[in-house]
Amino acid sequence: MKKNNAILFLLVITLILTGCSATPEGAAKQWLDAMLNLDGNKILDLTCIAQRQNVQQQGLYNSTIALLPQMFGFNMTTKGDVTGLKFTQTSINADQTRAFIHVTGEVRVAVLAFAQAYNVDETWVVVKEDNTWRWCGAQ
């Protein structure tokens, strides 16, 4: 019995620490966080197949821009903050494989001591592929 409780506890902790995308809202939040913090592996995992090429092209552009200062010896990284955003599911289809997420609030992006805040009011499409919710564009 103790072994089962320990396994369940570890599973719950793992899901919490990894920010499980068991919900459409969670997947949308994780995807934006990965985009803002240039986490290419997580971006790929959380982007639907139909949008991967577009997102990869944008990621290549963003990575190139981010690498320019490093070519001159500056270690400048960006840090995104999505805590000021609200992710609300507005609808989901009958077979629960496509949802619309309304994203509102303020997102912040910082480079060293400089930070910029942006207001967000968008609706995103999130789809379930291979039993995982993934961002799939804006409506």
N, C-alpha and C. Protein backbone atom coordinates (compact mmCIF):
# COMPACT_ATOMS: atom_id res chain seq x y z
N MET A 1 0.82 -1.20 0.00
CA MET A 1 0.00 0.00 0.00
C MET A 1 0.87 1.26 0.00
N LYS A 2 1.94 1.24 0.84
CA LYS A 2 2.82 2.40 0.88
C LYS A 2 3.50 2.63 -0.46
N LYS A 3 3.84 1.52 -1.14
CA LYS A 3 4.50 1.63 -2.44
C LYS A 3 3.56 2.31 -3.44
N ASN A 4 2.28 1.95 -3.45
CA ASN A 4 1.31 2.56 -4.36
C ASN A 4 1.13 4.04 -4.07
N ASN A 5 1.10 4.40 -2.78
CA ASN A 5 0.97 5.81 -2.40
C ASN A 5 2.21 6.60 -2.83
N ALA A 6 3.38 5.99 -2.70
CA ALA A 6 4.61 6.67 -3.11
C ALA A 6 4.64 6.89 -4.61
N ILE A 7 4.20 5.89 -5.38
CA ILE A 7 4.17 6.03 -6.84
C ILE A 7 3.17 7.10 -7.24
N LEU A 8 1.98 7.10 -6.62
CA LEU A 8 0.98 8.11 -6.92
C LEU A 8 1.50 9.50 -6.58
N PHE A 9 2.17 9.63 -5.44
CA PHE A 9 2.74 10.91 -5.03
C PHE A 9 3.77 11.40 -6.04
N LEU A 10 4.67 10.52 -6.48
CA LEU A 10 5.68 10.89 -7.46
C LEU A 10 5.06 11.30 -8.79
N LEU A 11 4.01 10.59 -9.19
CA LEU A 11 3.32 10.94 -10.43
C LEU A 11 2.69 12.32 -10.35
N VAL A 12 2.02 12.61 -9.24
CA VAL A 12 1.38 13.92 -9.06
C VAL A 12 2.43 15.02 -9.05
N ILE A 13 3.52 14.82 -8.33
CA ILE A 13 4.59 15.83 -8.27
C ILE A 13 5.19 16.05 -9.66
N THR A 14 5.41 14.98 -10.40
CA THR A 14 5.96 15.09 -11.75
C THR A 14 5.03 15.91 -12.63
N LEU A 15 3.74 15.64 -12.58
CA LEU A 15 2.79 16.39 -13.39
C LEU A 15 2.76 17.86 -13.02
N ILE A 16 2.83 18.14 -11.72
CA ILE A 16 2.84 19.53 -11.27
C ILE A 16 4.10 20.24 -11.73
N LEU A 17 5.25 19.60 -11.56
CA LEU A 17 6.52 20.24 -11.91
C LEU A 17 6.69 20.41 -13.41
N THR A 18 6.13 19.52 -14.20
CA THR A 18 6.27 19.64 -15.64
C THR A 18 5.18 20.51 -16.24
N GLY A 19 4.24 20.95 -15.43
CA GLY A 19 3.17 21.80 -15.93
C GLY A 19 2.29 21.05 -16.90
N CYS A 20 1.92 19.86 -16.54
CA CYS A 20 1.13 18.94 -17.36
C CYS A 20 0.13 19.66 -18.27
N SER A 21 0.13 19.27 -19.53
CA SER A 21 -0.81 19.86 -20.47
C SER A 21 -2.02 18.96 -20.62
N ALA A 22 -2.57 18.53 -19.49
CA ALA A 22 -3.75 17.67 -19.49
C ALA A 22 -5.00 18.45 -19.86
N THR A 23 -4.91 19.76 -19.86
CA THR A 23 -6.05 20.60 -20.23
C THR A 23 -5.65 21.48 -21.41
N PRO A 24 -6.63 21.91 -22.19
CA PRO A 24 -6.31 22.84 -23.29
C PRO A 24 -5.69 24.14 -22.78
N GLU A 25 -6.19 24.64 -21.65
CA GLU A 25 -5.65 25.88 -21.10
C GLU A 25 -4.20 25.70 -20.68
N GLY A 26 -3.89 24.57 -20.05
CA GLY A 26 -2.52 24.29 -19.63
C GLY A 26 -1.57 24.20 -20.80
N ALA A 27 -2.02 23.56 -21.88
CA ALA A 27 -1.18 23.45 -23.07
C ALA A 27 -0.91 24.82 -23.67
N ALA A 28 -1.93 25.67 -23.73
CA ALA A 28 -1.76 27.01 -24.29
C ALA A 28 -0.76 27.82 -23.47
N LYS A 29 -0.88 27.72 -22.16
CA LYS A 29 0.03 28.46 -21.27
C LYS A 29 1.46 27.95 -21.42
N GLN A 30 1.63 26.64 -21.44
CA GLN A 30 2.97 26.05 -21.59
C GLN A 30 3.60 26.43 -22.92
N TRP A 31 2.77 26.43 -23.98
CA TRP A 31 3.27 26.76 -25.30
C TRP A 31 3.80 28.19 -25.34
N LEU A 32 3.02 29.14 -24.82
CA LEU A 32 3.46 30.53 -24.83
C LEU A 32 4.70 30.71 -23.96
N ASP A 33 4.75 30.07 -22.82
CA ASP A 33 5.92 30.16 -21.96
C ASP A 33 7.16 29.65 -22.69
N ALA A 34 7.01 28.53 -23.40
CA ALA A 34 8.13 27.98 -24.18
C ALA A 34 8.55 28.95 -25.29
N MET A 35 7.58 29.56 -25.96
CA MET A 35 7.91 30.53 -27.02
C MET A 35 8.68 31.72 -26.47
N LEU A 36 8.20 32.26 -25.36
CA LEU A 36 8.83 33.45 -24.79
C LEU A 36 10.23 33.16 -24.26
N ASN A 37 10.45 31.93 -23.82
CA ASN A 37 11.74 31.58 -23.23
C ASN A 37 12.62 30.76 -24.18
N LEU A 38 12.23 30.71 -25.46
CA LEU A 38 13.00 30.08 -26.52
C LEU A 38 13.38 28.63 -26.21
N ASP A 39 12.41 27.86 -25.74
CA ASP A 39 12.61 26.44 -25.43
C ASP A 39 12.12 25.62 -26.62
N GLY A 40 13.01 25.41 -27.59
CA GLY A 40 12.65 24.77 -28.86
C GLY A 40 12.05 23.39 -28.72
N ASN A 41 12.58 22.55 -27.83
CA ASN A 41 12.04 21.20 -27.68
C ASN A 41 10.61 21.23 -27.17
N LYS A 42 10.35 22.08 -26.19
CA LYS A 42 9.00 22.18 -25.63
C LYS A 42 8.05 22.78 -26.67
N ILE A 43 8.53 23.77 -27.43
CA ILE A 43 7.70 24.37 -28.48
C ILE A 43 7.27 23.30 -29.47
N LEU A 44 8.20 22.48 -29.91
CA LEU A 44 7.89 21.42 -30.88
C LEU A 44 6.89 20.43 -30.30
N ASP A 45 7.07 20.05 -29.04
CA ASP A 45 6.15 19.10 -28.40
C ASP A 45 4.74 19.66 -28.27
N LEU A 46 4.62 20.98 -28.10
CA LEU A 46 3.31 21.59 -27.82
C LEU A 46 2.69 22.29 -29.01
N THR A 47 3.24 22.08 -30.21
CA THR A 47 2.69 22.66 -31.43
C THR A 47 2.08 21.54 -32.27
N CYS A 48 0.87 21.78 -32.79
CA CYS A 48 0.22 20.76 -33.61
C CYS A 48 0.99 20.55 -34.91
N ILE A 49 0.80 19.41 -35.50
CA ILE A 49 1.53 19.05 -36.72
C ILE A 49 1.28 20.07 -37.83
N ALA A 50 0.05 20.55 -37.96
CA ALA A 50 -0.29 21.49 -39.03
C ALA A 50 0.45 22.82 -38.91
N GLN A 51 0.88 23.20 -37.71
CA GLN A 51 1.54 24.50 -37.50
C GLN A 51 3.05 24.41 -37.28
N ARG A 52 3.58 23.20 -37.22
CA ARG A 52 4.99 23.05 -36.86
C ARG A 52 5.94 23.76 -37.81
N GLN A 53 5.73 23.67 -39.10
CA GLN A 53 6.65 24.32 -40.04
C GLN A 53 6.65 25.83 -39.84
N ASN A 54 5.47 26.43 -39.68
CA ASN A 54 5.39 27.88 -39.46
C ASN A 54 6.10 28.28 -38.17
N VAL A 55 5.86 27.51 -37.11
CA VAL A 55 6.46 27.83 -35.82
C VAL A 55 7.96 27.62 -35.86
N GLN A 56 8.43 26.58 -36.55
CA GLN A 56 9.86 26.34 -36.66
C GLN A 56 10.55 27.47 -37.44
N GLN A 57 9.91 27.98 -38.48
CA GLN A 57 10.49 29.10 -39.23
C GLN A 57 10.61 30.33 -38.34
N GLN A 58 9.56 30.61 -37.57
CA GLN A 58 9.61 31.75 -36.66
C GLN A 58 10.65 31.52 -35.57
N GLY A 59 10.76 30.29 -35.10
CA GLY A 59 11.76 29.95 -34.08
C GLY A 59 13.18 30.14 -34.59
N LEU A 60 13.41 29.80 -35.85
CA LEU A 60 14.73 30.00 -36.44
C LEU A 60 15.06 31.49 -36.48
N TYR A 61 14.10 32.30 -36.88
CA TYR A 61 14.29 33.76 -36.92
C TYR A 61 14.59 34.28 -35.51
N ASN A 62 13.75 33.88 -34.53
CA ASN A 62 13.95 34.35 -33.15
C ASN A 62 15.31 33.91 -32.60
N SER A 63 15.71 32.68 -32.91
CA SER A 63 17.00 32.18 -32.42
C SER A 63 18.16 32.94 -33.04
N THR A 64 18.05 33.27 -34.32
CA THR A 64 19.10 34.03 -35.00
C THR A 64 19.26 35.40 -34.35
N ILE A 65 18.15 36.06 -34.09
CA ILE A 65 18.19 37.38 -33.44
C ILE A 65 18.80 37.25 -32.04
N ALA A 66 18.41 36.20 -31.32
CA ALA A 66 18.92 36.00 -29.96
C ALA A 66 20.41 35.70 -29.94
N LEU A 67 20.93 35.07 -31.00
CA LEU A 67 22.35 34.71 -31.06
C LEU A 67 23.27 35.86 -31.45
N LEU A 68 22.74 36.88 -32.10
CA LEU A 68 23.58 37.99 -32.56
C LEU A 68 24.43 38.60 -31.45
N PRO A 69 23.87 38.95 -30.30
CA PRO A 69 24.72 39.53 -29.25
C PRO A 69 25.82 38.58 -28.78
N GLN A 70 25.53 37.27 -28.82
CA GLN A 70 26.53 36.29 -28.38
C GLN A 70 27.73 36.26 -29.31
N MET A 71 27.52 36.61 -30.56
CA MET A 71 28.63 36.66 -31.51
C MET A 71 29.65 37.73 -31.12
N PHE A 72 29.18 38.72 -30.33
CA PHE A 72 30.06 39.81 -29.90
C PHE A 72 30.44 39.68 -28.43
N GLY A 73 30.20 38.49 -27.86
CA GLY A 73 30.62 38.23 -26.49
C GLY A 73 29.62 38.60 -25.42
N PHE A 74 28.41 39.00 -25.79
CA PHE A 74 27.39 39.35 -24.80
C PHE A 74 26.47 38.16 -24.57
N ASN A 75 26.23 37.83 -23.32
CA ASN A 75 25.32 36.75 -22.99
C ASN A 75 23.98 37.35 -22.58
N MET A 76 23.17 37.62 -23.56
CA MET A 76 21.87 38.25 -23.32
C MET A 76 20.76 37.24 -23.63
N THR A 77 20.03 36.90 -22.61
CA THR A 77 18.91 35.98 -22.81
C THR A 77 17.61 36.69 -22.48
N THR A 78 16.54 36.21 -23.09
CA THR A 78 15.23 36.77 -22.79
C THR A 78 14.55 35.91 -21.74
N LYS A 79 13.66 36.54 -21.01
CA LYS A 79 12.88 35.83 -20.01
C LYS A 79 11.44 36.30 -20.14
N GLY A 80 10.55 35.38 -20.44
CA GLY A 80 9.14 35.71 -20.57
C GLY A 80 8.38 35.36 -19.30
N ASP A 81 7.32 36.12 -19.04
CA ASP A 81 6.50 35.91 -17.85
C ASP A 81 5.03 35.90 -18.25
N VAL A 82 4.38 34.75 -18.08
CA VAL A 82 2.97 34.62 -18.47
C VAL A 82 2.03 34.65 -17.26
N THR A 83 2.55 34.99 -16.07
CA THR A 83 1.71 34.96 -14.87
C THR A 83 0.60 36.01 -14.90
N GLY A 84 0.74 37.04 -15.71
CA GLY A 84 -0.29 38.07 -15.80
C GLY A 84 -1.39 37.75 -16.82
N LEU A 85 -1.35 36.55 -17.38
CA LEU A 85 -2.33 36.16 -18.38
C LEU A 85 -3.37 35.21 -17.81
N LYS A 86 -4.56 35.28 -18.37
CA LYS A 86 -5.63 34.36 -18.02
C LYS A 86 -5.95 33.53 -19.27
N PHE A 87 -5.97 32.21 -19.11
CA PHE A 87 -6.27 31.28 -20.20
C PHE A 87 -7.62 30.63 -19.90
N THR A 88 -8.63 30.96 -20.72
CA THR A 88 -9.98 30.49 -20.47
C THR A 88 -10.50 29.70 -21.66
N GLN A 89 -10.95 28.48 -21.40
CA GLN A 89 -11.55 27.67 -22.46
C GLN A 89 -12.93 28.24 -22.76
N THR A 90 -13.17 28.60 -24.03
CA THR A 90 -14.48 29.16 -24.40
C THR A 90 -15.38 28.11 -25.04
N SER A 91 -14.79 27.09 -25.68
CA SER A 91 -15.60 26.01 -26.25
C SER A 91 -14.71 24.82 -26.54
N ILE A 92 -15.36 23.67 -26.69
CA ILE A 92 -14.67 22.44 -27.04
C ILE A 92 -15.63 21.62 -27.89
N ASN A 93 -15.10 20.91 -28.91
CA ASN A 93 -15.98 20.14 -29.79
C ASN A 93 -16.49 18.88 -29.08
N ALA A 94 -17.45 18.21 -29.71
CA ALA A 94 -18.13 17.07 -29.09
C ALA A 94 -17.19 15.92 -28.73
N ASP A 95 -16.20 15.64 -29.59
CA ASP A 95 -15.29 14.53 -29.27
C ASP A 95 -14.07 14.98 -28.46
N GLN A 96 -14.11 16.22 -27.99
CA GLN A 96 -13.08 16.79 -27.11
C GLN A 96 -11.67 16.68 -27.68
N THR A 97 -11.53 17.06 -28.96
CA THR A 97 -10.22 17.06 -29.60
C THR A 97 -9.83 18.44 -30.13
N ARG A 98 -10.71 19.43 -29.99
CA ARG A 98 -10.44 20.78 -30.48
C ARG A 98 -11.11 21.77 -29.53
N ALA A 99 -10.32 22.70 -29.00
CA ALA A 99 -10.85 23.67 -28.05
C ALA A 99 -10.38 25.07 -28.44
N PHE A 100 -11.15 26.05 -28.02
CA PHE A 100 -10.79 27.45 -28.22
C PHE A 100 -10.46 28.04 -26.86
N ILE A 101 -9.30 28.70 -26.79
CA ILE A 101 -8.80 29.27 -25.54
C ILE A 101 -8.68 30.78 -25.71
N HIS A 102 -9.38 31.53 -24.85
CA HIS A 102 -9.29 32.99 -24.87
C HIS A 102 -8.16 33.39 -23.92
N VAL A 103 -7.19 34.10 -24.46
CA VAL A 103 -6.01 34.51 -23.69
C VAL A 103 -6.08 36.02 -23.51
N THR A 104 -6.13 36.46 -22.24
CA THR A 104 -6.22 37.89 -21.95
C THR A 104 -5.26 38.25 -20.82
N GLY A 105 -4.88 39.51 -20.80
CA GLY A 105 -4.03 40.02 -19.73
C GLY A 105 -2.75 40.61 -20.26
N GLU A 106 -1.73 40.59 -19.40
CA GLU A 106 -0.46 41.20 -19.73
C GLU A 106 0.66 40.16 -19.71
N VAL A 107 1.44 40.16 -20.76
CA VAL A 107 2.62 39.30 -20.82
C VAL A 107 3.84 40.22 -20.79
N ARG A 108 4.88 39.75 -20.11
CA ARG A 108 6.11 40.55 -20.00
C ARG A 108 7.28 39.79 -20.58
N VAL A 109 8.17 40.52 -21.23
CA VAL A 109 9.40 39.95 -21.78
C VAL A 109 10.55 40.85 -21.33
N ALA A 110 11.58 40.23 -20.77
CA ALA A 110 12.72 40.99 -20.26
C ALA A 110 14.00 40.53 -20.93
N VAL A 111 14.88 41.49 -21.21
CA VAL A 111 16.24 41.23 -21.65
C VAL A 111 17.12 42.01 -20.69
N LEU A 112 17.86 41.25 -19.87
CA LEU A 112 18.66 41.85 -18.80
C LEU A 112 17.76 42.73 -17.92
N ALA A 113 18.05 44.01 -17.79
CA ALA A 113 17.26 44.89 -16.93
C ALA A 113 16.13 45.59 -17.67
N PHE A 114 16.00 45.37 -18.96
CA PHE A 114 14.95 46.00 -19.75
C PHE A 114 13.77 45.05 -19.87
N ALA A 115 12.58 45.54 -19.55
CA ALA A 115 11.38 44.71 -19.66
C ALA A 115 10.31 45.47 -20.43
N GLN A 116 9.54 44.73 -21.17
CA GLN A 116 8.44 45.30 -21.96
C GLN A 116 7.18 44.51 -21.62
N ALA A 117 6.07 45.21 -21.46
CA ALA A 117 4.78 44.56 -21.19
C ALA A 117 3.87 44.73 -22.39
N TYR A 118 3.14 43.67 -22.71
CA TYR A 118 2.23 43.69 -23.85
C TYR A 118 0.86 43.20 -23.39
N ASN A 119 -0.19 43.91 -23.82
CA ASN A 119 -1.54 43.45 -23.54
C ASN A 119 -1.94 42.42 -24.58
N VAL A 120 -2.58 41.36 -24.13
CA VAL A 120 -3.00 40.27 -24.99
C VAL A 120 -4.50 40.09 -24.88
N ASP A 121 -5.16 39.93 -26.02
CA ASP A 121 -6.58 39.60 -26.08
C ASP A 121 -6.80 38.82 -27.37
N GLU A 122 -6.57 37.51 -27.30
CA GLU A 122 -6.63 36.65 -28.49
C GLU A 122 -7.36 35.35 -28.16
N THR A 123 -7.84 34.70 -29.21
CA THR A 123 -8.42 33.37 -29.06
C THR A 123 -7.57 32.40 -29.87
N TRP A 124 -7.13 31.33 -29.21
CA TRP A 124 -6.26 30.33 -29.83
C TRP A 124 -7.00 29.03 -30.02
N VAL A 125 -6.57 28.28 -31.01
CA VAL A 125 -7.09 26.93 -31.24
C VAL A 125 -6.09 25.95 -30.64
N VAL A 126 -6.59 24.99 -29.87
CA VAL A 126 -5.77 23.95 -29.28
C VAL A 126 -6.39 22.62 -29.68
N VAL A 127 -5.57 21.69 -30.18
CA VAL A 127 -6.09 20.39 -30.62
C VAL A 127 -5.41 19.27 -29.84
N LYS A 128 -6.10 18.15 -29.79
CA LYS A 128 -5.54 16.98 -29.11
C LYS A 128 -5.01 16.02 -30.15
N GLU A 129 -3.69 15.82 -30.14
CA GLU A 129 -3.00 14.89 -31.05
C GLU A 129 -2.19 13.93 -30.19
N ASP A 130 -2.27 12.65 -30.49
CA ASP A 130 -1.54 11.64 -29.72
C ASP A 130 -1.77 11.79 -28.22
N ASN A 131 -3.02 12.10 -27.88
CA ASN A 131 -3.45 12.23 -26.49
C ASN A 131 -2.79 13.40 -25.76
N THR A 132 -2.29 14.38 -26.51
CA THR A 132 -1.65 15.57 -25.93
C THR A 132 -2.28 16.81 -26.54
N TRP A 133 -2.64 17.78 -25.68
CA TRP A 133 -3.16 19.05 -26.18
C TRP A 133 -2.01 19.88 -26.73
N ARG A 134 -2.22 20.46 -27.94
CA ARG A 134 -1.19 21.26 -28.61
C ARG A 134 -1.78 22.52 -29.20
N TRP A 135 -0.99 23.61 -29.14
CA TRP A 135 -1.38 24.88 -29.74
C TRP A 135 -1.45 24.68 -31.26
N CYS A 136 -2.49 25.27 -31.90
CA CYS A 136 -2.64 25.08 -33.34
C CYS A 136 -3.11 26.36 -34.05
N GLY A 137 -2.65 27.51 -33.57
CA GLY A 137 -2.94 28.75 -34.25
C GLY A 137 -3.92 29.64 -33.52
N ALA A 138 -4.15 30.78 -34.12
CA ALA A 138 -5.09 31.76 -33.57
C ALA A 138 -6.33 31.80 -34.44
N GLN A 139 -7.42 32.13 -33.81
CA GLN A 139 -8.68 32.20 -34.54
C GLN A 139 -8.82 33.55 -35.20
